[in-house]
Protein backbone atom coordinates (compact mmCIF):
# COMPACT_ATOMS: atom_id res chain seq x y z
CA UNK A 1 -12.14 7.91 -8.26
CA UNK A 2 -9.39 9.90 -6.51
CA UNK A 3 -7.46 12.24 -8.02
CA UNK A 4 -4.45 14.23 -6.13
CA UNK A 5 -3.12 17.29 -8.63
CA UNK A 6 -0.44 19.32 -7.56
CA UNK A 7 -1.10 19.93 -3.98
CA UNK A 8 0.84 21.47 -1.60
CA UNK A 9 0.33 21.96 1.94
CA UNK A 10 1.35 24.69 4.05
CA UNK A 11 0.92 25.03 7.95
CA UNK A 12 2.28 28.36 9.61
CA UNK A 13 2.73 28.95 13.48
CA UNK A 14 4.13 31.79 15.46
CA UNK A 15 7.17 29.63 15.51
CA UNK A 16 7.70 28.23 12.48
CA UNK A 17 6.63 27.28 9.10
CA UNK A 18 6.03 23.87 7.91
CA UNK A 19 5.63 22.59 4.48
CA UNK A 20 3.42 19.16 5.38
CA UNK A 21 3.00 18.15 1.33
CA UNK A 22 4.81 19.64 -1.88
CA UNK A 23 3.69 19.22 -5.31
CA UNK A 24 1.95 15.89 -4.97
CA UNK A 25 0.29 14.19 -7.49
CA UNK A 26 -1.53 10.71 -7.46
CA UNK A 27 -4.31 9.03 -9.39
CA UNK A 28 -6.04 6.19 -7.58
CA UNK A 29 -8.53 4.15 -9.45
CA UNK A 30 -11.91 2.38 -8.39
CA UNK A 31 -11.00 -0.45 -6.99
CA UNK A 32 -7.54 -0.30 -5.70
CA UNK A 33 -5.81 -0.69 -2.44
CA UNK A 34 -3.92 2.16 -2.94
CA UNK A 35 -0.67 2.41 -0.42
CA UNK A 36 1.00 5.86 0.94
CA UNK A 37 4.15 4.93 2.85
CA UNK A 38 6.58 6.97 4.50
CA UNK A 39 8.15 7.67 7.52
CA UNK A 40 6.65 10.09 10.14
CA UNK A 41 6.37 13.29 9.16
CA UNK A 42 6.79 12.53 5.33
CA UNK A 43 3.10 14.10 5.06
CA UNK A 44 1.24 10.83 4.28
CA UNK A 45 -1.61 11.99 7.20
CA UNK A 46 -2.23 15.27 5.65
CA UNK A 47 -2.96 13.92 2.38
CA UNK A 48 -4.88 11.34 3.86
CA UNK A 49 -7.03 14.09 5.47
CA UNK A 50 -7.17 16.16 2.40
CA UNK A 51 -9.11 13.12 0.82
CA UNK A 52 -12.06 13.82 3.46
CA UNK A 53 -12.13 17.55 3.55
CA UNK A 54 -10.51 17.20 7.05
CA UNK A 55 -7.58 19.70 5.45
CA UNK A 56 -7.79 22.12 2.39
CA UNK A 57 -4.63 22.43 0.20
CA UNK A 58 -2.60 25.32 0.10
CA UNK A 59 -2.69 24.97 -3.65
CA UNK A 60 -3.88 22.50 -5.69
CA UNK A 61 -6.52 20.10 -6.06
CA UNK A 62 -7.54 16.97 -4.73
CA UNK A 63 -11.32 15.47 -6.57
CA UNK A 64 -13.01 12.98 -5.42
CA UNK A 65 -15.94 11.12 -7.55
CA UNK A 66 -15.58 14.35 -9.85
CA UNK A 67 -15.93 16.98 -6.45
CA UNK A 68 -13.59 19.26 -5.78
CA UNK A 69 -13.67 18.27 -2.18
CA UNK A 70 -12.25 22.17 -1.60
CA UNK A 71 -15.52 22.83 -2.68
CA UNK A 72 -17.73 21.88 -0.56
CA UNK A 73 -19.31 23.36 2.33
CA UNK A 74 -21.79 23.05 4.82
CA UNK A 75 -24.91 20.10 3.92
CA UNK A 76 -22.79 19.23 0.75
CA UNK A 77 -19.56 18.56 2.85
CA UNK A 78 -21.64 16.27 4.86
CA UNK A 79 -23.34 14.02 1.97
CA UNK A 80 -20.01 14.02 0.62
CA UNK A 81 -18.54 12.24 3.72
CA UNK A 82 -20.79 9.34 4.24
CA UNK A 83 -19.23 7.91 1.29
CA UNK A 84 -16.02 8.01 2.61
CA UNK A 85 -15.51 5.53 5.80
CA UNK A 86 -12.20 6.02 7.84
CA UNK A 87 -10.42 3.83 10.27
CA UNK A 88 -7.70 4.82 12.20
CA UNK A 89 -4.42 3.11 14.56
CA UNK A 90 -5.87 3.12 17.59
CA UNK A 91 -9.54 2.29 16.96
CA UNK A 92 -11.63 5.51 18.49
CA UNK A 93 -14.10 3.92 19.72
CA UNK A 94 -16.21 4.96 22.66
CA UNK A 95 -16.07 3.17 25.62
CA UNK A 96 -19.17 3.72 27.40
CA UNK A 97 -20.90 1.94 24.70
CA UNK A 98 -21.47 -1.71 23.38
CA UNK A 99 -19.84 -3.16 20.23
CA UNK A 100 -23.15 -2.89 18.60
CA UNK A 101 -23.88 0.72 19.98
CA UNK A 102 -20.65 2.13 18.33
CA UNK A 103 -21.18 0.34 15.15
CA UNK A 104 -24.46 1.93 15.33
CA UNK A 105 -23.32 5.46 15.16
CA UNK A 106 -22.47 6.84 11.95
CA UNK A 107 -26.28 5.67 11.17
CA UNK A 108 -27.59 7.60 14.04
CA UNK A 109 -26.00 10.61 13.11
CA UNK A 110 -27.45 9.95 9.25
CA UNK A 111 -31.26 9.44 11.08
CA UNK A 112 -31.73 6.21 10.58
CA UNK A 113 -35.17 4.20 11.85
CA UNK A 114 -34.14 1.58 14.51
CA UNK A 115 -35.01 -1.10 12.61
CA UNK A 116 -32.15 -0.17 9.83
CA UNK A 117 -29.95 0.56 12.72
CA UNK A 118 -30.33 -2.74 14.02
CA UNK A 119 -30.69 -4.57 10.61
CA UNK A 120 -27.64 -2.89 9.18
CA UNK A 121 -24.72 -3.45 12.12
CA UNK A 122 -26.17 -7.09 12.33
CA UNK A 123 -25.47 -7.59 9.09
CA UNK A 124 -21.84 -5.75 9.57
CA UNK A 125 -21.13 -7.70 12.85
CA UNK A 126 -21.25 -11.02 10.61
CA UNK A 127 -19.52 -9.80 8.13
CA UNK A 128 -16.54 -8.76 10.62
CA UNK A 129 -17.09 -12.08 11.79
CA UNK A 130 -18.18 -10.44 15.70
CA UNK A 131 -21.78 -11.95 15.93
CA UNK A 132 -21.18 -13.16 19.54
CA UNK A 133 -19.24 -9.51 20.50
CA UNK A 134 -22.14 -7.38 19.90
CA UNK A 135 -22.50 -6.57 23.53
CA UNK A 136 -19.03 -6.59 24.67
CA UNK A 137 -17.91 -3.10 25.60
CA UNK A 138 -14.27 -2.17 23.79
CA UNK A 139 -12.21 -3.16 27.11
CA UNK A 140 -13.51 -6.48 26.55
CA UNK A 141 -12.11 -6.47 23.35
CA UNK A 142 -8.59 -7.53 21.55
CA UNK A 143 -6.86 -5.03 19.84
CA UNK A 144 -7.65 -7.09 16.14
CA UNK A 145 -11.04 -7.87 17.44
CA UNK A 146 -10.98 -3.64 18.07
CA UNK A 147 -10.32 -2.60 15.03
CA UNK A 148 -12.95 -4.61 13.24
CA UNK A 149 -15.56 -2.91 15.14
CA UNK A 150 -14.06 0.23 13.65
CA UNK A 151 -13.96 -1.41 10.07
CA UNK A 152 -17.71 -2.17 10.81
CA UNK A 153 -18.35 1.27 11.52
CA UNK A 154 -16.83 2.71 9.03
CA UNK A 155 -18.49 0.71 6.46
CA UNK A 156 -22.02 1.46 8.14
CA UNK A 157 -23.52 3.77 5.84
CA UNK A 158 -21.69 1.81 2.40
CA UNK A 159 -19.23 4.13 1.55
CA UNK A 160 -17.34 3.96 -1.57
CA UNK A 161 -14.47 4.94 -0.24
CA UNK A 162 -12.32 3.69 2.69
CA UNK A 163 -9.36 5.41 4.32
CA UNK A 164 -7.56 3.64 6.44
CA UNK A 165 -4.82 6.20 8.70
CA UNK A 166 -2.31 3.26 9.80
CA UNK A 167 -4.70 0.69 10.84
CA UNK A 168 -2.53 -2.30 11.65
CA UNK A 169 0.67 -0.55 13.86
CA UNK A 170 -0.88 -0.93 16.93
CA UNK A 171 -1.44 -5.06 16.35
CA UNK A 172 0.95 -7.89 16.47
CA UNK A 173 1.84 -9.58 13.16
CA UNK A 174 -0.42 -12.13 13.68
CA UNK A 175 -3.36 -9.90 13.66
CA UNK A 176 -2.43 -7.50 11.41
CA UNK A 177 -2.49 -10.40 8.92
CA UNK A 178 -5.96 -11.26 9.97
CA UNK A 179 -6.91 -7.61 9.20
CA UNK A 180 -5.30 -7.06 6.14
CA UNK A 181 -6.99 -9.92 4.78
CA UNK A 182 -10.18 -8.30 6.19
CA UNK A 183 -9.88 -5.28 4.35
CA UNK A 184 -9.23 -7.31 0.73
CA UNK A 185 -12.68 -8.92 1.53
CA UNK A 186 -14.14 -5.50 2.08
CA UNK A 187 -12.07 -4.49 -1.26
CA UNK A 188 -12.76 -7.28 -2.98
CA UNK A 189 -16.64 -8.18 -2.21
CA UNK A 190 -17.98 -4.60 -1.64
CA UNK A 191 -16.14 -3.12 -4.54
CA UNK A 192 -15.14 -0.39 -2.24
CA UNK A 193 -11.53 1.36 -3.25
CA UNK A 194 -9.25 1.71 0.11
CA UNK A 195 -6.74 3.87 0.77
CA UNK A 196 -4.24 3.11 3.27
CA UNK A 197 -1.58 5.35 4.90
CA UNK A 198 1.24 3.02 6.46
CA UNK A 199 4.68 2.84 7.78
CA UNK A 200 5.22 -0.72 7.09
CA UNK A 201 6.48 -2.33 3.99
CA UNK A 202 4.57 -5.44 4.78
CA UNK A 203 1.20 -4.69 4.31
CA UNK A 204 1.98 -2.87 1.04
CA UNK A 205 3.35 -5.91 -0.08
CA UNK A 206 0.37 -7.97 1.18
CA UNK A 207 -2.82 -6.02 0.27
CA UNK A 208 -2.01 -3.26 -2.12
CA UNK A 209 -1.64 -2.91 -5.86
CA UNK A 210 -0.69 0.53 -6.13
CA UNK A 211 2.08 2.55 -3.64
CA UNK A 212 3.54 5.57 -3.54
CA UNK A 213 6.45 6.87 -1.44
CA UNK A 214 6.54 10.28 0.46
CA UNK A 215 9.57 11.25 1.86
CA UNK A 216 9.48 15.44 3.71
CA UNK A 217 6.49 16.39 2.23
CA UNK A 218 7.55 15.42 -1.29
CA UNK A 219 6.71 11.78 -3.62
CA UNK A 220 9.43 10.04 -4.42
CA UNK A 221 8.70 7.19 -6.27
CA UNK A 222 5.03 5.93 -7.50
CA UNK A 223 3.80 3.00 -9.10
CA UNK A 224 2.43 -0.65 -9.29
CA UNK A 225 3.40 -2.70 -6.45
CA UNK A 226 5.25 -5.17 -8.31
CA UNK A 227 7.40 -2.58 -10.30
CA UNK A 228 8.50 -0.42 -7.24
CA UNK A 229 9.59 -3.87 -5.37
CA UNK A 230 11.37 -5.04 -8.58
CA UNK A 231 12.81 -1.72 -9.23
CA UNK A 232 13.23 0.25 -6.44
CA UNK A 233 14.58 4.36 -7.65
CA UNK A 234 15.18 6.04 -4.32
CA UNK A 235 17.06 4.89 -0.96
CA UNK A 236 14.58 5.21 0.94
CA UNK A 237 12.26 2.96 -1.27
CA UNK A 238 15.01 0.52 -1.25
CA UNK A 239 15.34 0.94 2.69
CA UNK A 240 11.72 -0.07 2.90
CA UNK A 241 11.75 -3.16 1.03
CA UNK A 242 14.67 -4.55 2.10
CA UNK A 243 12.67 -5.17 5.55
CA UNK A 244 10.29 -7.38 3.54
CA UNK A 245 12.83 -9.00 0.92
CA UNK A 246 16.84 -7.86 1.92
CA UNK A 247 18.74 -8.74 -1.31
CA UNK A 248 21.46 -6.72 -0.32
CA UNK A 249 24.53 -8.61 -1.74
CA UNK A 250 26.79 -9.01 1.18
CA UNK A 251 30.40 -6.85 0.82
CA UNK A 252 32.41 -10.01 0.48
CA UNK A 253 30.45 -10.76 -2.52
CA UNK A 254 30.40 -7.26 -4.06
CA UNK A 255 34.74 -7.04 -3.76
CA UNK A 256 34.43 -11.10 -5.54
CA UNK A 257 32.41 -9.45 -8.09
CA UNK A 258 34.48 -6.38 -8.62
CA UNK A 259 37.72 -8.30 -8.80
CA UNK A 260 36.22 -10.24 -11.24
CA UNK A 261 38.50 -9.13 -14.27
CA UNK A 262 36.27 -10.64 -17.19
CA UNK A 263 33.03 -9.30 -18.85
CA UNK A 264 30.09 -9.81 -16.53
CA UNK A 265 26.79 -8.04 -16.09
CA UNK A 266 25.27 -8.78 -12.27
CA UNK A 267 21.43 -7.94 -13.00
CA UNK A 268 18.33 -8.72 -10.89
CA UNK A 269 15.60 -10.53 -12.63
CA UNK A 270 11.85 -10.69 -12.19
CA UNK A 271 9.93 -13.85 -12.72
CA UNK A 272 6.17 -13.86 -12.62
CA UNK A 273 3.14 -15.51 -14.27
CA UNK A 274 3.98 -15.13 -17.63
CA UNK A 275 7.87 -16.27 -17.43
CA UNK A 276 8.05 -18.76 -13.93
CA UNK A 277 7.10 -21.89 -15.61
CA UNK A 278 9.56 -21.66 -18.48
CA UNK A 279 13.47 -22.91 -18.10
CA UNK A 280 14.77 -19.27 -19.07
CA UNK A 281 18.19 -19.90 -17.20
CA UNK A 282 19.05 -22.97 -18.96
CA UNK A 283 17.16 -21.49 -22.31
CA UNK A 284 19.90 -18.36 -21.79
CA UNK A 285 22.92 -20.17 -21.07
CA UNK A 286 22.02 -22.82 -24.16
CA UNK A 287 21.00 -20.19 -26.46
CA UNK A 288 23.68 -17.20 -26.02
CA UNK A 289 26.90 -19.52 -24.65
CA UNK A 290 26.64 -16.97 -21.22
CA UNK A 291 27.15 -18.68 -17.14
CA UNK A 292 25.09 -17.86 -15.00
CA UNK A 293 25.64 -17.83 -11.26
CA UNK A 294 22.70 -16.85 -9.15
CA UNK A 295 23.58 -14.64 -6.08
CA UNK A 296 20.50 -14.32 -4.54
CA UNK A 297 16.76 -15.46 -4.86
CA UNK A 298 13.10 -14.84 -3.11
CA UNK A 299 9.55 -15.70 -3.88
CA UNK A 300 6.80 -14.27 -3.00
CA UNK A 301 3.36 -12.91 -3.36
CA UNK A 302 2.81 -8.97 -4.89
CA UNK A 303 -0.88 -8.24 -6.29
CA UNK A 304 -2.11 -11.56 -5.41
CA UNK A 305 0.39 -13.06 -7.95
CA UNK A 306 3.47 -15.09 -7.26
CA UNK A 307 6.59 -13.14 -8.33
CA UNK A 308 10.44 -14.07 -8.43
CA UNK A 309 13.33 -12.34 -8.19
CA UNK A 310 16.69 -13.56 -8.77
CA UNK A 311 19.93 -11.56 -8.21
CA UNK A 312 22.46 -13.12 -10.91
CA UNK A 313 26.22 -12.61 -12.46
CA UNK A 314 26.72 -12.89 -16.26
CA UNK A 315 29.79 -13.60 -17.76
CA UNK A 316 31.22 -14.56 -21.02
CA UNK A 317 32.21 -12.37 -24.02
CA UNK A 318 30.94 -8.96 -24.41
CA UNK A 319 29.28 -10.34 -27.53
CA UNK A 320 27.45 -13.31 -25.64
CA UNK A 321 26.41 -10.92 -22.16
CA UNK A 322 24.72 -8.67 -25.27
CA UNK A 323 23.01 -11.84 -27.07
CA UNK A 324 21.83 -12.49 -23.44
CA UNK A 325 20.38 -9.03 -22.69
CA UNK A 326 18.93 -9.58 -25.73
CA UNK A 327 17.68 -12.84 -25.03
CA UNK A 328 15.79 -11.76 -21.47
CA UNK A 329 14.05 -8.72 -23.28
CA UNK A 330 12.51 -11.12 -25.75
CA UNK A 331 11.45 -13.48 -22.97
CA UNK A 332 9.35 -10.60 -21.36
CA UNK A 333 11.79 -10.81 -18.47
CA UNK A 334 12.22 -7.54 -16.51
CA UNK A 335 16.00 -7.05 -15.78
CA UNK A 336 17.38 -4.31 -13.58
CA UNK A 337 21.35 -3.90 -13.18
CA UNK A 338 22.99 -4.27 -9.99
CA UNK A 339 25.63 -1.76 -9.05
CA UNK A 340 28.78 -3.17 -7.30
């Protein structure tokens, strides 16, 4: 659906040169809710603007639905953009227009007749649950209601892709949850691919199935949400994940583990639908003879699945520990060694 191949972007000013993106490659499939996370200045917004042609790469290629975006000009580009909806952090509503009139803007620009506009806007008001706000002005709405208007407007021309640039950053936690639920509904019921730019790891956790982590214009990590949460490779990713799942062992516990003078391994184990119902720990102890101490455990939801993570200390003889490692592999329990 969206292919980003070796994309770099450099901005040159009189004072300096900024390398906003550096050799980024990503594949976003139809039906994905794909999250791109990073701190301010990581290059997230520049990346998303490549997808709808608001920025062109200095090198590399962005292909959307088989079209090289940088080659589209004039009418071709305008037609292409009709297939891409965009929602923004600060809503971008016209204060002088009612909710109905704001949602109607893309339809008016596409020269739809009044009956078509009325029918489509009413349909969208129902979809985002704002039927009673059609004649209200933005100043009369809450932040969550404003964002629902923004989503409805973005859906007006039946896009196949929805771009979300920090769509929940200006909202409180409860409102954020409701907007994320609406975006899941958009993805599920309308089969719209969603590309989300955010610096909030809870957004990635709640709705995305894939995630890419940017830092300083570089792609430092990418994969399924379950895999990235289960075994983050970079310190930046680990820091983001700890904002929602803080599995960092206290220094006192680490000190105790380092002083342990018998064979041991410390692992983070992942349990999902494939193995969550099995008595894995008791079976491992029974079959291999090791002792297992649970140091940390958490259950969360990722990619619509209930997933559990347990950090454990495994002790015994070297042979017993080796057998336990093989046991977890045979029972398809992903394990990742934890440094102490």
